[in-house]
Amino acid sequence: MKKIEAVIKPFKLDDVKDAVLKLGVSGITISEVKGFGRQKGHKEIYRGAEYVVDFLPKIRIEVVVSSEIVSRVVEAIKENAYTGEIGDGKIFILPVEKAIRIRTGEEDRDAI
């Protein structure tokens, strides 16, 4: 099993979610987060004063899948989160040692 974490632009969430769920993924977790990468934020002017907004709004998607479909899920995220502009995001893939469904006690593949 693998955990896929993706940080994307907020307006791409619906496209990414729909694409991932079409692959048979049974659920995802999202969080509204703030951060910056190479773009280092941007400058804005408010009431005549210029200030730097260095933490930009992003969405973090987390999904645990069987190792067999990792590449398809990653490809779906890449295709649907892409805008071609700086700040499109990142994808991280981590190993999952164990998964347990609290309600039923199911483990590993049965739990995801």
PDB file of N, CA and C in Angstrom:
ATOM      1  N   MET A   1       0.846  -1.185   0.000  1.00  0.00           N
ATOM      2  CA  MET A   1       0.000   0.000   0.000  1.00  0.00           C
ATOM      3  C   MET A   1       0.881   1.236   0.000  1.00  0.00           C
ATOM      4  N   LYS A   2       0.367   2.292  -0.595  1.00  0.00           N
ATOM      5  CA  LYS A   2       1.082   3.560  -0.653  1.00  0.00           C
ATOM      6  C   LYS A   2       0.122   4.698  -0.297  1.00  0.00           C
ATOM      7  N   LYS A   3       0.692   5.717   0.314  1.00  0.00           N
ATOM      8  CA  LYS A   3      -0.066   6.942   0.575  1.00  0.00           C
ATOM      9  C   LYS A   3       0.426   7.985  -0.420  1.00  0.00           C
ATOM     10  N   ILE A   4      -0.511   8.555  -1.133  1.00  0.00           N
ATOM     11  CA  ILE A   4      -0.192   9.606  -2.094  1.00  0.00           C
ATOM     12  C   ILE A   4      -0.678  10.914  -1.496  1.00  0.00           C
ATOM     13  N   GLU A   5       0.239  11.856  -1.353  1.00  0.00           N
ATOM     14  CA  GLU A   5      -0.098  13.207  -0.900  1.00  0.00           C
ATOM     15  C   GLU A   5       0.177  14.147  -2.051  1.00  0.00           C
ATOM     16  N   ALA A   6      -0.796  14.968  -2.358  1.00  0.00           N
ATOM     17  CA  ALA A   6      -0.630  15.948  -3.426  1.00  0.00           C
ATOM     18  C   ALA A   6      -1.027  17.311  -2.898  1.00  0.00           C
ATOM     19  N   VAL A   7      -0.234  18.318  -3.211  1.00  0.00           N
ATOM     20  CA  VAL A   7      -0.546  19.703  -2.876  1.00  0.00           C
ATOM     21  C   VAL A   7      -0.831  20.405  -4.197  1.00  0.00           C
ATOM     22  N   ILE A   8      -2.060  20.926  -4.337  1.00  0.00           N
ATOM     23  CA  ILE A   8      -2.500  21.486  -5.611  1.00  0.00           C
ATOM     24  C   ILE A   8      -3.161  22.839  -5.410  1.00  0.00           C
ATOM     25  N   LYS A   9      -3.434  23.510  -6.532  1.00  0.00           N
ATOM     26  CA  LYS A   9      -4.180  24.768  -6.486  1.00  0.00           C
ATOM     27  C   LYS A   9      -5.642  24.471  -6.144  1.00  0.00           C
ATOM     28  N   PRO A  10      -6.257  25.310  -5.313  1.00  0.00           N
ATOM     29  CA  PRO A  10      -7.627  25.031  -4.856  1.00  0.00           C
ATOM     30  C   PRO A  10      -8.661  24.843  -5.964  1.00  0.00           C
ATOM     31  N   PHE A  11      -8.565  25.614  -7.041  1.00  0.00           N
ATOM     32  CA  PHE A  11      -9.596  25.526  -8.075  1.00  0.00           C
ATOM     33  C   PHE A  11      -9.492  24.253  -8.910  1.00  0.00           C
ATOM     34  N   LYS A  12      -8.441  23.452  -8.715  1.00  0.00           N
ATOM     35  CA  LYS A  12      -8.288  22.193  -9.437  1.00  0.00           C
ATOM     36  C   LYS A  12      -8.825  20.996  -8.644  1.00  0.00           C
ATOM     37  N   LEU A  13      -9.318  21.226  -7.435  1.00  0.00           N
ATOM     38  CA  LEU A  13      -9.751  20.135  -6.562  1.00  0.00           C
ATOM     39  C   LEU A  13     -10.829  19.261  -7.198  1.00  0.00           C
ATOM     40  N   ASP A  14     -11.882  19.842  -7.727  1.00  0.00           N
ATOM     41  CA  ASP A  14     -12.975  19.041  -8.277  1.00  0.00           C
ATOM     42  C   ASP A  14     -12.506  18.148  -9.425  1.00  0.00           C
ATOM     43  N   ASP A  15     -11.667  18.682 -10.301  1.00  0.00           N
ATOM     44  CA  ASP A  15     -11.154  17.889 -11.423  1.00  0.00           C
ATOM     45  C   ASP A  15     -10.329  16.708 -10.927  1.00  0.00           C
ATOM     46  N   VAL A  16      -9.445  16.973  -9.962  1.00  0.00           N
ATOM     47  CA  VAL A  16      -8.588  15.912  -9.424  1.00  0.00           C
ATOM     48  C   VAL A  16      -9.423  14.875  -8.693  1.00  0.00           C
ATOM     49  N   LYS A  17     -10.339  15.317  -7.866  1.00  0.00           N
ATOM     50  CA  LYS A  17     -11.196  14.392  -7.101  1.00  0.00           C
ATOM     51  C   LYS A  17     -11.971  13.480  -8.040  1.00  0.00           C
ATOM     52  N   ASP A  18     -12.609  14.038  -9.055  1.00  0.00           N
ATOM     53  CA  ASP A  18     -13.390  13.233  -9.994  1.00  0.00           C
ATOM     54  C   ASP A  18     -12.517  12.202 -10.710  1.00  0.00           C
ATOM     55  N   ALA A  19     -11.333  12.604 -11.128  1.00  0.00           N
ATOM     56  CA  ALA A  19     -10.433  11.695 -11.843  1.00  0.00           C
ATOM     57  C   ALA A  19      -9.960  10.554 -10.954  1.00  0.00           C
ATOM     58  N   VAL A  20      -9.642  10.858  -9.700  1.00  0.00           N
ATOM     59  CA  VAL A  20      -9.157   9.827  -8.778  1.00  0.00           C
ATOM     60  C   VAL A  20     -10.284   8.851  -8.427  1.00  0.00           C
ATOM     61  N   LEU A  21     -11.471   9.351  -8.178  1.00  0.00           N
ATOM     62  CA  LEU A  21     -12.583   8.479  -7.821  1.00  0.00           C
ATOM     63  C   LEU A  21     -12.987   7.572  -8.988  1.00  0.00           C
ATOM     64  N   LYS A  22     -12.809   8.029 -10.238  1.00  0.00           N
ATOM     65  CA  LYS A  22     -13.116   7.207 -11.417  1.00  0.00           C
ATOM     66  C   LYS A  22     -12.208   5.982 -11.498  1.00  0.00           C
ATOM     67  N   LEU A  23     -11.052   6.037 -10.840  1.00  0.00           N
ATOM     68  CA  LEU A  23     -10.117   4.912 -10.866  1.00  0.00           C
ATOM     69  C   LEU A  23     -10.467   3.839  -9.837  1.00  0.00           C
ATOM     70  N   GLY A  24     -11.543   4.045  -9.087  1.00  0.00           N
ATOM     71  CA  GLY A  24     -11.959   3.057  -8.108  1.00  0.00           C
ATOM     72  C   GLY A  24     -11.464   3.319  -6.703  1.00  0.00           C
ATOM     73  N   VAL A  25     -10.840   4.472  -6.484  1.00  0.00           N
ATOM     74  CA  VAL A  25     -10.407   4.836  -5.137  1.00  0.00           C
ATOM     75  C   VAL A  25     -11.661   5.088  -4.315  1.00  0.00           C
ATOM     76  N   SER A  26     -11.716   4.504  -3.111  1.00  0.00           N
ATOM     77  CA  SER A  26     -12.952   4.567  -2.339  1.00  0.00           C
ATOM     78  C   SER A  26     -13.082   5.815  -1.484  1.00  0.00           C
ATOM     79  N   GLY A  27     -12.006   6.552  -1.272  1.00  0.00           N
ATOM     80  CA  GLY A  27     -12.118   7.762  -0.475  1.00  0.00           C
ATOM     81  C   GLY A  27     -10.836   8.570  -0.492  1.00  0.00           C
ATOM     82  N   ILE A  28     -10.986   9.846  -0.221  1.00  0.00           N
ATOM     83  CA  ILE A  28      -9.831  10.738  -0.146  1.00  0.00           C
ATOM     84  C   ILE A  28     -10.027  11.675   1.043  1.00  0.00           C
ATOM     85  N   THR A  29      -8.927  12.238   1.498  1.00  0.00           N
ATOM     86  CA  THR A  29      -8.969  13.251   2.547  1.00  0.00           C
ATOM     87  C   THR A  29      -8.364  14.515   1.969  1.00  0.00           C
ATOM     88  N   ILE A  30      -9.013  15.652   2.220  1.00  0.00           N
ATOM     89  CA  ILE A  30      -8.438  16.920   1.769  1.00  0.00           C
ATOM     90  C   ILE A  30      -8.307  17.866   2.956  1.00  0.00           C
ATOM     91  N   SER A  31      -7.325  18.735   2.848  1.00  0.00           N
ATOM     92  CA  SER A  31      -7.110  19.775   3.856  1.00  0.00           C
ATOM     93  C   SER A  31      -6.827  21.078   3.131  1.00  0.00           C
ATOM     94  N   GLU A  32      -7.354  22.156   3.675  1.00  0.00           N
ATOM     95  CA  GLU A  32      -6.988  23.478   3.170  1.00  0.00           C
ATOM     96  C   GLU A  32      -5.718  23.886   3.893  1.00  0.00           C
ATOM     97  N   VAL A  33      -4.666  24.151   3.129  1.00  0.00           N
ATOM     98  CA  VAL A  33      -3.373  24.492   3.707  1.00  0.00           C
ATOM     99  C   VAL A  33      -2.851  25.757   3.058  1.00  0.00           C
ATOM    100  N   LYS A  34      -1.786  26.291   3.610  1.00  0.00           N
ATOM    101  CA  LYS A  34      -1.109  27.447   3.022  1.00  0.00           C
ATOM    102  C   LYS A  34       0.363  27.135   2.941  1.00  0.00           C
ATOM    103  N   GLY A  35       1.004  27.655   1.911  1.00  0.00           N
ATOM    104  CA  GLY A  35       2.433  27.417   1.775  1.00  0.00           C
ATOM    105  C   GLY A  35       2.981  28.113   0.548  1.00  0.00           C
ATOM    106  N   PHE A  36       4.260  27.893   0.327  1.00  0.00           N
ATOM    107  CA  PHE A  36       4.883  28.422  -0.880  1.00  0.00           C
ATOM    108  C   PHE A  36       6.049  27.538  -1.262  1.00  0.00           C
ATOM    109  N   GLY A  37       6.382  27.605  -2.514  1.00  0.00           N
ATOM    110  CA  GLY A  37       7.528  26.888  -3.056  1.00  0.00           C
ATOM    111  C   GLY A  37       8.444  27.887  -3.716  1.00  0.00           C
ATOM    112  N   ARG A  38       8.801  27.594  -4.941  1.00  0.00           N
ATOM    113  CA  ARG A  38       9.725  28.474  -5.662  1.00  0.00           C
ATOM    114  C   ARG A  38       9.144  29.846  -5.947  1.00  0.00           C
ATOM    115  N   GLN A  39       7.821  29.947  -6.029  1.00  0.00           N
ATOM    116  CA  GLN A  39       7.244  31.250  -6.377  1.00  0.00           C
ATOM    117  C   GLN A  39       7.357  32.259  -5.245  1.00  0.00           C
ATOM    118  N   LYS A  40       7.583  31.805  -4.011  1.00  0.00           N
ATOM    119  CA  LYS A  40       7.785  32.684  -2.845  1.00  0.00           C
ATOM    120  C   LYS A  40       6.652  33.691  -2.656  1.00  0.00           C
ATOM    121  N   GLY A  41       5.447  33.323  -3.023  1.00  0.00           N
ATOM    122  CA  GLY A  41       4.313  34.221  -2.816  1.00  0.00           C
ATOM    123  C   GLY A  41       4.261  35.319  -3.859  1.00  0.00           C
ATOM    124  N   HIS A  42       3.567  36.401  -3.519  1.00  0.00           N
ATOM    125  CA  HIS A  42       3.458  37.519  -4.453  1.00  0.00           C
ATOM    126  C   HIS A  42       3.177  38.804  -3.676  1.00  0.00           C
ATOM    127  N   LYS A  43       3.311  39.931  -4.358  1.00  0.00           N
ATOM    128  CA  LYS A  43       3.054  41.234  -3.731  1.00  0.00           C
ATOM    129  C   LYS A  43       1.650  41.697  -4.083  1.00  0.00           C
ATOM    130  N   GLU A  44       0.992  42.323  -3.116  1.00  0.00           N
ATOM    131  CA  GLU A  44      -0.325  42.900  -3.329  1.00  0.00           C
ATOM    132  C   GLU A  44      -0.321  44.320  -2.790  1.00  0.00           C
ATOM    133  N   ILE A  45      -1.241  45.122  -3.305  1.00  0.00           N
ATOM    134  CA  ILE A  45      -1.390  46.495  -2.814  1.00  0.00           C
ATOM    135  C   ILE A  45      -2.762  46.606  -2.172  1.00  0.00           C
ATOM    136  N   TYR A  46      -2.776  47.063  -0.922  1.00  0.00           N
ATOM    137  CA  TYR A  46      -4.022  47.241  -0.188  1.00  0.00           C
ATOM    138  C   TYR A  46      -4.035  48.639   0.391  1.00  0.00           C
ATOM    139  N   ARG A  47      -5.001  49.448  -0.023  1.00  0.00           N
ATOM    140  CA  ARG A  47      -5.122  50.841   0.424  1.00  0.00           C
ATOM    141  C   ARG A  47      -3.817  51.608   0.252  1.00  0.00           C
ATOM    142  N   GLY A  48      -3.208  51.374  -0.884  1.00  0.00           N
ATOM    143  CA  GLY A  48      -2.002  52.137  -1.219  1.00  0.00           C
ATOM    144  C   GLY A  48      -0.712  51.571  -0.659  1.00  0.00           C
ATOM    145  N   ALA A  49      -0.794  50.594   0.207  1.00  0.00           N
ATOM    146  CA  ALA A  49       0.420  50.013   0.791  1.00  0.00           C
ATOM    147  C   ALA A  49       0.697  48.662   0.133  1.00  0.00           C
ATOM    148  N   GLU A  50       1.958  48.439  -0.199  1.00  0.00           N
ATOM    149  CA  GLU A  50       2.362  47.173  -0.801  1.00  0.00           C
ATOM    150  C   GLU A  50       2.807  46.208   0.294  1.00  0.00           C
ATOM    151  N   TYR A  51       2.354  44.979   0.191  1.00  0.00           N
ATOM    152  CA  TYR A  51       2.802  43.984   1.150  1.00  0.00           C
ATOM    153  C   TYR A  51       2.952  42.635   0.447  1.00  0.00           C
ATOM    154  N   VAL A  52       3.708  41.733   1.061  1.00  0.00           N
ATOM    155  CA  VAL A  52       4.002  40.433   0.467  1.00  0.00           C
ATOM    156  C   VAL A  52       3.091  39.375   1.080  1.00  0.00           C
ATOM    157  N   VAL A  53       2.440  38.621   0.216  1.00  0.00           N
ATOM    158  CA  VAL A  53       1.660  37.469   0.634  1.00  0.00           C
ATOM    159  C   VAL A  53       2.538  36.258   0.334  1.00  0.00           C
ATOM    160  N   ASP A  54       3.205  35.740   1.360  1.00  0.00           N
ATOM    161  CA  ASP A  54       4.141  34.653   1.087  1.00  0.00           C
ATOM    162  C   ASP A  54       3.561  33.263   1.291  1.00  0.00           C
ATOM    163  N   PHE A  55       2.442  33.137   1.970  1.00  0.00           N
ATOM    164  CA  PHE A  55       1.790  31.842   2.095  1.00  0.00           C
ATOM    165  C   PHE A  55       0.526  31.852   1.248  1.00  0.00           C
ATOM    166  N   LEU A  56       0.528  31.043   0.207  1.00  0.00           N
ATOM    167  CA  LEU A  56      -0.590  30.999  -0.726  1.00  0.00           C
ATOM    168  C   LEU A  56      -1.529  29.845  -0.373  1.00  0.00           C
ATOM    169  N   PRO A  57      -2.841  30.002  -0.602  1.00  0.00           N
ATOM    170  CA  PRO A  57      -3.775  28.922  -0.306  1.00  0.00           C
ATOM    171  C   PRO A  57      -3.561  27.740  -1.248  1.00  0.00           C
ATOM    172  N   LYS A  58      -3.560  26.548  -0.678  1.00  0.00           N
ATOM    173  CA  LYS A  58      -3.398  25.307  -1.436  1.00  0.00           C
ATOM    174  C   LYS A  58      -4.346  24.270  -0.859  1.00  0.00           C
ATOM    175  N   ILE A  59      -4.494  23.161  -1.561  1.00  0.00           N
ATOM    176  CA  ILE A  59      -5.265  22.015  -1.089  1.00  0.00           C
ATOM    177  C   ILE A  59      -4.314  20.827  -1.008  1.00  0.00           C
ATOM    178  N   ARG A  60      -4.343  20.118   0.127  1.00  0.00           N
ATOM    179  CA  ARG A  60      -3.566  18.884   0.251  1.00  0.00           C
ATOM    180  C   ARG A  60      -4.535  17.718   0.170  1.00  0.00           C
ATOM    181  N   ILE A  61      -4.281  16.827  -0.777  1.00  0.00           N
ATOM    182  CA  ILE A  61      -5.081  15.629  -0.972  1.00  0.00           C
ATOM    183  C   ILE A  61      -4.271  14.443  -0.466  1.00  0.00           C
ATOM    184  N   GLU A  62      -4.918  13.587   0.319  1.00  0.00           N
ATOM    185  CA  GLU A  62      -4.265  12.373   0.806  1.00  0.00           C
ATOM    186  C   GLU A  62      -5.134  11.183   0.430  1.00  0.00           C
ATOM    187  N   VAL A  63      -4.504  10.167  -0.125  1.00  0.00           N
ATOM    188  CA  VAL A  63      -5.229   8.963  -0.519  1.00  0.00           C
ATOM    189  C   VAL A  63      -4.301   7.769  -0.338  1.00  0.00           C
ATOM    190  N   VAL A  64      -4.853   6.692   0.229  1.00  0.00           N
ATOM    191  CA  VAL A  64      -4.088   5.451   0.384  1.00  0.00           C
ATOM    192  C   VAL A  64      -4.656   4.441  -0.601  1.00  0.00           C
ATOM    193  N   VAL A  65      -3.760   3.863  -1.412  1.00  0.00           N
ATOM    194  CA  VAL A  65      -4.184   2.929  -2.459  1.00  0.00           C
ATOM    195  C   VAL A  65      -3.277   1.705  -2.462  1.00  0.00           C
ATOM    196  N   SER A  66      -3.731   0.662  -3.128  1.00  0.00           N
ATOM    197  CA  SER A  66      -2.870  -0.508  -3.293  1.00  0.00           C
ATOM    198  C   SER A  66      -1.730  -0.140  -4.238  1.00  0.00           C
ATOM    199  N   SER A  67      -0.618  -0.796  -4.069  1.00  0.00           N
ATOM    200  CA  SER A  67       0.578  -0.480  -4.857  1.00  0.00           C
ATOM    201  C   SER A  67       0.344  -0.624  -6.360  1.00  0.00           C
ATOM    202  N   GLU A  68      -0.592  -1.484  -6.749  1.00  0.00           N
ATOM    203  CA  GLU A  68      -0.839  -1.738  -8.163  1.00  0.00           C
ATOM    204  C   GLU A  68      -1.397  -0.525  -8.914  1.00  0.00           C
ATOM    205  N   ILE A  69      -2.120   0.355  -8.236  1.00  0.00           N
ATOM    206  CA  ILE A  69      -2.742   1.476  -8.964  1.00  0.00           C
ATOM    207  C   ILE A  69      -2.074   2.824  -8.681  1.00  0.00           C
ATOM    208  N   VAL A  70      -0.959   2.812  -7.990  1.00  0.00           N
ATOM    209  CA  VAL A  70      -0.282   4.071  -7.654  1.00  0.00           C
ATOM    210  C   VAL A  70       0.019   4.894  -8.894  1.00  0.00           C
ATOM    211  N   SER A  71       0.593   4.284  -9.914  1.00  0.00           N
ATOM    212  CA  SER A  71       0.988   5.044 -11.101  1.00  0.00           C
ATOM    213  C   SER A  71      -0.215   5.656 -11.806  1.00  0.00           C
ATOM    214  N   ARG A  72      -1.351   4.942 -11.843  1.00  0.00           N
ATOM    215  CA  ARG A  72      -2.547   5.490 -12.484  1.00  0.00           C
ATOM    216  C   ARG A  72      -3.121   6.660 -11.693  1.00  0.00           C
ATOM    217  N   VAL A  73      -3.110   6.559 -10.364  1.00  0.00           N
ATOM    218  CA  VAL A  73      -3.612   7.651  -9.526  1.00  0.00           C
ATOM    219  C   VAL A  73      -2.711   8.872  -9.667  1.00  0.00           C
ATOM    220  N   VAL A  74      -1.407   8.654  -9.639  1.00  0.00           N
ATOM    221  CA  VAL A  74      -0.462   9.765  -9.789  1.00  0.00           C
ATOM    222  C   VAL A  74      -0.653  10.441 -11.142  1.00  0.00           C
ATOM    223  N   GLU A  75      -0.811   9.667 -12.187  1.00  0.00           N
ATOM    224  CA  GLU A  75      -1.010  10.233 -13.526  1.00  0.00           C
ATOM    225  C   GLU A  75      -2.304  11.050 -13.585  1.00  0.00           C
ATOM    226  N   ALA A  76      -3.361  10.547 -12.955  1.00  0.00           N
ATOM    227  CA  ALA A  76      -4.636  11.273 -12.933  1.00  0.00           C
ATOM    228  C   ALA A  76      -4.486  12.607 -12.206  1.00  0.00           C
ATOM    229  N   ILE A  77      -3.751  12.602 -11.102  1.00  0.00           N
ATOM    230  CA  ILE A  77      -3.520  13.850 -10.365  1.00  0.00           C
ATOM    231  C   ILE A  77      -2.715  14.814 -11.213  1.00  0.00           C
ATOM    232  N   LYS A  78      -1.635  14.325 -11.821  1.00  0.00           N
ATOM    233  CA  LYS A  78      -0.789  15.182 -12.657  1.00  0.00           C
ATOM    234  C   LYS A  78      -1.578  15.827 -13.790  1.00  0.00           C
ATOM    235  N   GLU A  79      -2.350  15.021 -14.496  1.00  0.00           N
ATOM    236  CA  GLU A  79      -3.103  15.529 -15.645  1.00  0.00           C
ATOM    237  C   GLU A  79      -4.153  16.551 -15.239  1.00  0.00           C
ATOM    238  N   ASN A  80      -4.816  16.326 -14.118  1.00  0.00           N
ATOM    239  CA  ASN A  80      -5.940  17.181 -13.736  1.00  0.00           C
ATOM    240  C   ASN A  80      -5.554  18.364 -12.868  1.00  0.00           C
ATOM    241  N   ALA A  81      -4.359  18.368 -12.293  1.00  0.00           N
ATOM    242  CA  ALA A  81      -3.904  19.507 -11.492  1.00  0.00           C
ATOM    243  C   ALA A  81      -3.053  20.464 -12.322  1.00  0.00           C
ATOM    244  N   TYR A  82      -2.674  20.060 -13.514  1.00  0.00           N
ATOM    245  CA  TYR A  82      -1.764  20.836 -14.356  1.00  0.00           C
ATOM    246  C   TYR A  82      -2.422  22.096 -14.915  1.00  0.00           C
ATOM    247  N   THR A  83      -1.732  23.229 -14.760  1.00  0.00           N
ATOM    248  CA  THR A  83      -2.135  24.464 -15.427  1.00  0.00           C
ATOM    249  C   THR A  83      -1.006  25.004 -16.289  1.00  0.00           C
ATOM    250  N   GLY A  84       0.208  24.551 -16.029  1.00  0.00           N
ATOM    251  CA  GLY A  84       1.366  25.062 -16.752  1.00  0.00           C
ATOM    252  C   GLY A  84       1.966  26.293 -16.117  1.00  0.00           C
ATOM    253  N   GLU A  85       1.356  26.756 -15.047  1.00  0.00           N
ATOM    254  CA  GLU A  85       1.835  27.944 -14.345  1.00  0.00           C
ATOM    255  C   GLU A  85       2.622  27.526 -13.110  1.00  0.00           C
ATOM    256  N   ILE A  86       3.472  28.418 -12.634  1.00  0.00           N
ATOM    257  CA  ILE A  86       4.219  28.152 -11.414  1.00  0.00           C
ATOM    258  C   ILE A  86       3.233  27.952 -10.266  1.00  0.00           C
ATOM    259  N   GLY A  87       3.556  27.017  -9.379  1.00  0.00           N
ATOM    260  CA  GLY A  87       2.685  26.758  -8.240  1.00  0.00           C
ATOM    261  C   GLY A  87       1.662  25.664  -8.469  1.00  0.00           C
ATOM    262  N   ASP A  88       1.822  24.854  -9.525  1.00  0.00           N
ATOM    263  CA  ASP A  88       0.879  23.765  -9.784  1.00  0.00           C
ATOM    264  C   ASP A  88       0.871  22.731  -8.669  1.00  0.00           C
ATOM    265  N   GLY A  89       1.986  22.588  -7.947  1.00  0.00           N
ATOM    266  CA  GLY A  89       1.977  21.712  -6.781  1.00  0.00           C
ATOM    267  C   GLY A  89       3.010  20.609  -6.837  1.00  0.00           C
ATOM    268  N   LYS A  90       2.850  19.679  -5.917  1.00  0.00           N
ATOM    269  CA  LYS A  90       3.774  18.551  -5.769  1.00  0.00           C
ATOM    270  C   LYS A  90       2.980  17.298  -5.421  1.00  0.00           C
ATOM    271  N   ILE A  91       3.581  16.138  -5.722  1.00  0.00           N
ATOM    272  CA  ILE A  91       3.011  14.846  -5.353  1.00  0.00           C
ATOM    273  C   ILE A  91       4.083  14.076  -4.601  1.00  0.00           C
ATOM    274  N   PHE A  92       3.704  13.493  -3.469  1.00  0.00           N
ATOM    275  CA  PHE A  92       4.611  12.684  -2.665  1.00  0.00           C
ATOM    276  C   PHE A  92       4.004  11.292  -2.523  1.00  0.00           C
ATOM    277  N   ILE A  93       4.849  10.274  -2.609  1.00  0.00           N
ATOM    278  CA  ILE A  93       4.403   8.895  -2.468  1.00  0.00           C
ATOM    279  C   ILE A  93       5.167   8.269  -1.308  1.00  0.00           C
ATOM    280  N   LEU A  94       4.405   7.752  -0.327  1.00  0.00           N
ATOM    281  CA  LEU A  94       5.012   7.193   0.879  1.00  0.00           C
ATOM    282  C   LEU A  94       4.533   5.764   1.102  1.00  0.00           C
ATOM    283  N   PRO A  95       5.367   4.914   1.669  1.00  0.00           N
ATOM    284  CA  PRO A  95       4.907   3.558   1.988  1.00  0.00           C
ATOM    285  C   PRO A  95       3.960   3.576   3.187  1.00  0.00           C
ATOM    286  N   VAL A  96       2.986   2.685   3.169  1.00  0.00           N
ATOM    287  CA  VAL A  96       2.059   2.532   4.297  1.00  0.00           C
ATOM    288  C   VAL A  96       2.291   1.139   4.874  1.00  0.00           C
ATOM    289  N   GLU A  97       2.666   1.104   6.123  1.00  0.00           N
ATOM    290  CA  GLU A  97       2.972  -0.165   6.774  1.00  0.00           C
ATOM    291  C   GLU A  97       1.721  -0.941   7.141  1.00  0.00           C
ATOM    292  N   LYS A  98       0.703  -0.242   7.599  1.00  0.00           N
ATOM    293  CA  LYS A  98      -0.503  -0.910   8.085  1.00  0.00           C
ATOM    294  C   LYS A  98      -1.691   0.041   7.951  1.00  0.00           C
ATOM    295  N   ALA A  99      -2.856  -0.509   7.656  1.00  0.00           N
ATOM    296  CA  ALA A  99      -4.099   0.262   7.637  1.00  0.00           C
ATOM    297  C   ALA A  99      -5.155  -0.534   8.396  1.00  0.00           C
ATOM    298  N   ILE A 100      -5.915   0.137   9.243  1.00  0.00           N
ATOM    299  CA  ILE A 100      -6.949  -0.533  10.041  1.00  0.00           C
ATOM    300  C   ILE A 100      -8.221   0.312   9.990  1.00  0.00           C
ATOM    301  N   ARG A 101      -9.326  -0.324   9.624  1.00  0.00           N
ATOM    302  CA  ARG A 101     -10.620   0.358   9.659  1.00  0.00           C
ATOM    303  C   ARG A 101     -11.135   0.250  11.095  1.00  0.00           C
ATOM    304  N   ILE A 102     -11.345   1.356  11.745  1.00  0.00           N
ATOM    305  CA  ILE A 102     -11.718   1.376  13.154  1.00  0.00           C
ATOM    306  C   ILE A 102     -13.052   0.672  13.397  1.00  0.00           C
ATOM    307  N   ARG A 103     -14.047   0.949  12.576  1.00  0.00           N
ATOM    308  CA  ARG A 103     -15.392   0.419  12.804  1.00  0.00           C
ATOM    309  C   ARG A 103     -15.437  -1.098  12.775  1.00  0.00           C
ATOM    310  N   THR A 104     -14.768  -1.732  11.803  1.00  0.00           N
ATOM    311  CA  THR A 104     -14.885  -3.176  11.622  1.00  0.00           C
ATOM    312  C   THR A 104     -13.658  -3.972  12.036  1.00  0.00           C
ATOM    313  N   GLY A 105     -12.526  -3.289  12.182  1.00  0.00           N
ATOM    314  CA  GLY A 105     -11.297  -3.985  12.506  1.00  0.00           C
ATOM    315  C   GLY A 105     -10.585  -4.551  11.290  1.00  0.00           C
ATOM    316  N   GLU A 106     -11.147  -4.315  10.086  1.00  0.00           N
ATOM    317  CA  GLU A 106     -10.496  -4.808   8.871  1.00  0.00           C
ATOM    318  C   GLU A 106      -9.099  -4.194   8.769  1.00  0.00           C
ATOM    319  N   GLU A 107      -8.209  -4.953   8.141  1.00  0.00           N
ATOM    320  CA  GLU A 107      -6.831  -4.495   8.045  1.00  0.00           C
ATOM    321  C   GLU A 107      -6.335  -4.488   6.613  1.00  0.00           C
ATOM    322  N   ASP A 108      -5.334  -3.642   6.406  1.00  0.00           N
ATOM    323  CA  ASP A 108      -4.600  -3.520   5.148  1.00  0.00           C
ATOM    324  C   ASP A 108      -5.527  -3.297   3.948  1.00  0.00           C
ATOM    325  N   ARG A 109      -5.449  -4.130   2.904  1.00  0.00           N
ATOM    326  CA  ARG A 109      -6.237  -3.894   1.691  1.00  0.00           C
ATOM    327  C   ARG A 109      -7.731  -3.835   1.981  1.00  0.00           C
ATOM    328  N   ASP A 110      -8.205  -4.657   2.894  1.00  0.00           N
ATOM    329  CA  ASP A 110      -9.637  -4.659   3.227  1.00  0.00           C
ATOM    330  C   ASP A 110     -10.053  -3.342   3.893  1.00  0.00           C
ATOM    331  N   ALA A 111      -9.105  -2.671   4.509  1.00  0.00           N
ATOM    332  CA  ALA A 111      -9.411  -1.416   5.206  1.00  0.00           C
ATOM    333  C   ALA A 111      -9.435  -0.217   4.274  1.00  0.00           C
ATOM    334  N   ILE A 112      -8.809  -0.348   3.102  1.00  0.00           N
ATOM    335  CA  ILE A 112      -8.822   0.794   2.187  1.00  0.00           C
ATOM    336  C   ILE A 112      -9.845   0.563   1.102  1.00  0.00           C
TER     337      ILE A 112
END
